[in-house]
C-alpha atoms as a PDB file:
ATOM      1  CA  MET A   1     116.232  72.218  82.342  1.00  0.00           C
ATOM      2  CA  ASN A   2     115.084  75.646  81.248  1.00  0.00           C
ATOM      3  CA  ARG A   3     111.685  76.679  79.894  1.00  0.00           C
ATOM      4  CA  GLU A   4     112.673  76.345  76.220  1.00  0.00           C
ATOM      5  CA  GLU A   5     113.955  72.798  76.715  1.00  0.00           C
ATOM      6  CA  PHE A   6     110.827  71.889  78.655  1.00  0.00           C
ATOM      7  CA  MET A   7     108.468  73.333  76.043  1.00  0.00           C
ATOM      8  CA  ALA A   8     110.268  71.386  73.279  1.00  0.00           C
ATOM      9  CA  LEU A   9     109.250  68.082  74.906  1.00  0.00           C
ATOM     10  CA  GLU A  10     106.152  66.123  73.914  1.00  0.00           C
ATOM     11  CA  SER A  11     103.202  66.497  76.313  1.00  0.00           C
ATOM     12  CA  PRO A  12     103.555  63.062  77.995  1.00  0.00           C
ATOM     13  CA  LYS A  13     107.248  63.766  78.641  1.00  0.00           C
ATOM     14  CA  LYS A  14     106.344  67.166  80.110  1.00  0.00           C
ATOM     15  CA  ALA A  15     104.012  65.412  82.555  1.00  0.00           C
ATOM     16  CA  GLU A  16     106.789  62.949  83.471  1.00  0.00           C
ATOM     17  CA  VAL A  17     109.232  65.776  84.204  1.00  0.00           C
ATOM     18  CA  LEU A  18     106.705  67.620  86.371  1.00  0.00           C
ATOM     19  CA  ASN A  19     105.739  64.410  88.181  1.00  0.00           C
ATOM     20  CA  ALA A  20     109.426  63.810  88.957  1.00  0.00           C
ATOM     21  CA  PHE A  21     109.387  67.135  90.822  1.00  0.00           C
ATOM     22  CA  ILE A  22     106.193  66.041  92.620  1.00  0.00           C
ATOM     23  CA  ASP A  23     107.941  62.791  93.618  1.00  0.00           C
ATOM     24  CA  GLU A  24     110.740  64.897  95.125  1.00  0.00           C
ATOM     25  CA  GLY A  25     108.161  66.458  97.448  1.00  0.00           C
ATOM     26  CA  MET A  26     107.401  69.682  95.587  1.00  0.00           C
ATOM     27  CA  SER A  27     103.921  71.148  95.315  1.00  0.00           C
ATOM     28  CA  GLN A  28     102.185  71.791  91.988  1.00  0.00           C
ATOM     29  CA  LYS A  29     103.319  75.424  91.918  1.00  0.00           C
ATOM     30  CA  GLU A  30     106.864  74.551  92.983  1.00  0.00           C
ATOM     31  CA  ALA A  31     107.128  71.933  90.224  1.00  0.00           C
ATOM     32  CA  MET A  32     105.908  74.415  87.636  1.00  0.00           C
ATOM     33  CA  ALA A  33     108.361  77.043  88.887  1.00  0.00           C
ATOM     34  CA  ALA A  34     111.219  74.532  88.738  1.00  0.00           C
ATOM     35  CA  ALA A  35     110.408  73.903  85.063  1.00  0.00           C
ATOM     36  CA  GLY A  36     109.895  77.632  84.446  1.00  0.00           C
ATOM     37  CA  VAL A  37     106.362  77.282  83.113  1.00  0.00           C
ATOM     38  CA  THR A  38     103.026  78.846  83.876  1.00  0.00           C
ATOM     39  CA  LEU A  39      99.561  77.355  84.008  1.00  0.00           C
ATOM     40  CA  ARG A  40      98.879  78.914  80.605  1.00  0.00           C
ATOM     41  CA  ASP A  41     101.915  77.098  79.113  1.00  0.00           C
ATOM     42  CA  LEU A  42     100.585  73.798  80.408  1.00  0.00           C
ATOM     43  CA  MET A  43      97.061  74.413  79.146  1.00  0.00           C
ATOM     44  CA  VAL A  44      98.371  75.140  75.644  1.00  0.00           C
ATOM     45  CA  THR A  45     100.334  71.881  75.634  1.00  0.00           C
ATOM     46  CA  GLN A  46      97.409  69.948  77.169  1.00  0.00           C
ATOM     47  CA  VAL A  47      99.151  69.022  80.399  1.00  0.00           C
ATOM     48  CA  PHE A  48      96.852  69.169  83.404  1.00  0.00           C
ATOM     49  CA  PHE A  49      97.169  68.721  87.161  1.00  0.00           C
ATOM     50  CA  SER A  50      94.784  66.252  88.778  1.00  0.00           C
ATOM     51  CA  LYS A  51      94.041  67.432  92.306  1.00  0.00           C
ATOM     52  CA  THR A  52      92.551  64.074  93.258  1.00  0.00           C
ATOM     53  CA  GLU A  53      95.669  62.168  92.197  1.00  0.00           C
ATOM     54  CA  GLY A  54      98.125  64.951  92.989  1.00  0.00           C
ATOM     55  CA  ARG A  55      99.913  64.368  89.676  1.00  0.00           C
ATOM     56  CA  PHE A  56     100.277  65.895  86.238  1.00  0.00           C
ATOM     57  CA  ALA A  57      98.765  64.136  83.227  1.00  0.00           C
ATOM     58  CA  ALA A  58      98.937  64.764  79.497  1.00  0.00           C
ATOM     59  CA  ASN A  59      95.860  64.627  77.342  1.00  0.00           C
ATOM     60  CA  ALA A  60      95.893  61.418  75.313  1.00  0.00           C
ATOM     61  CA  VAL A  61      94.822  63.122  72.094  1.00  0.00           C
ATOM     62  CA  GLY A  62      96.761  66.227  71.202  1.00  0.00           C
ATOM     63  CA  GLY A  63      96.022  68.780  68.566  1.00  0.00           C
ATOM     64  CA  TYR A  64      93.040  69.077  66.281  1.00  0.00           C
ATOM     65  CA  SER A  65      91.258  65.972  65.070  1.00  0.00           C
ATOM     66  CA  ASN A  66      88.573  65.943  62.431  1.00  0.00           C
ATOM     67  CA  PHE A  67      86.771  62.618  62.367  1.00  0.00           C
ATOM     68  CA  HIS A  68      84.439  63.699  59.556  1.00  0.00           C
ATOM     69  CA  SER A  69      85.290  64.309  55.949  1.00  0.00           C
ATOM     70  CA  ASP A  70      85.836  67.970  55.184  1.00  0.00           C
ATOM     71  CA  THR A  71      82.811  68.891  53.121  1.00  0.00           C
ATOM     72  CA  THR A  72      82.241  72.348  54.588  1.00  0.00           C
ATOM     73  CA  ALA A  73      83.413  74.086  51.410  1.00  0.00           C
ATOM     74  CA  GLU A  74      80.873  72.197  49.337  1.00  0.00           C
ATOM     75  CA  ALA A  75      77.957  72.298  51.784  1.00  0.00           C
ATOM     76  CA  VAL A  76      74.718  73.887  50.620  1.00  0.00           C
ATOM     77  CA  LYS A  77      73.976  77.041  52.542  1.00  0.00           C
END
């Protein structure tokens, strides 16, 4: 799998691929190198490495969420 194929995956799938490398005995940096990604790539896609667990995890909520109605255009200044 090259970098473009990896980056096209959804975040949870990215974590699964990286964790498969971890299961093969690779370190965090080796797993990232095998997928051809950098720490910056993972941060953008919200995939993080948990040092305590020694595994990659994807953030459960991706992207921007606005839980409030958008009234900023009409707000009194």
